[in-house]
Protein backbone atom coordinates (compact mmCIF):
# COMPACT_ATOMS: atom_id res chain seq x y z
CA UNK A 1 -18.61 16.24 -15.44
CA UNK A 2 -15.20 17.40 -16.72
CA UNK A 3 -15.38 20.80 -15.06
CA UNK A 4 -12.28 22.16 -13.28
CA UNK A 5 -14.42 23.08 -10.26
CA UNK A 6 -15.64 19.48 -9.92
CA UNK A 7 -12.07 18.20 -10.17
CA UNK A 8 -10.79 20.62 -7.52
CA UNK A 9 -13.71 19.79 -5.23
CA UNK A 10 -13.04 16.06 -5.57
CA UNK A 11 -9.35 16.53 -4.74
CA UNK A 12 -10.26 18.74 -1.77
CA UNK A 13 -12.74 16.14 -0.49
CA UNK A 14 -10.07 13.42 -0.76
CA UNK A 15 -7.59 15.53 1.24
CA UNK A 16 -10.22 16.22 3.91
CA UNK A 17 -10.96 12.50 4.24
CA UNK A 18 -7.24 11.72 4.59
CA UNK A 19 -6.80 14.42 7.25
CA UNK A 20 -9.86 13.25 9.20
CA UNK A 21 -8.69 9.63 8.98
CA UNK A 22 -5.25 10.58 10.30
CA UNK A 23 -6.82 12.65 13.08
CA UNK A 24 -9.04 9.79 14.27
CA UNK A 25 -6.14 7.32 14.12
CA UNK A 26 -4.00 9.69 16.20
CA UNK A 27 -6.88 10.14 18.67
CA UNK A 28 -7.22 6.38 19.12
CA UNK A 29 -3.63 5.91 20.27
């Protein structure tokens, strides 16, 4: 589970979630 690909994918997924969260919050207001 300590593969660089897994680490990069997890960081990418976190960034996507943050961007989507910000987008939905901006869409609400």
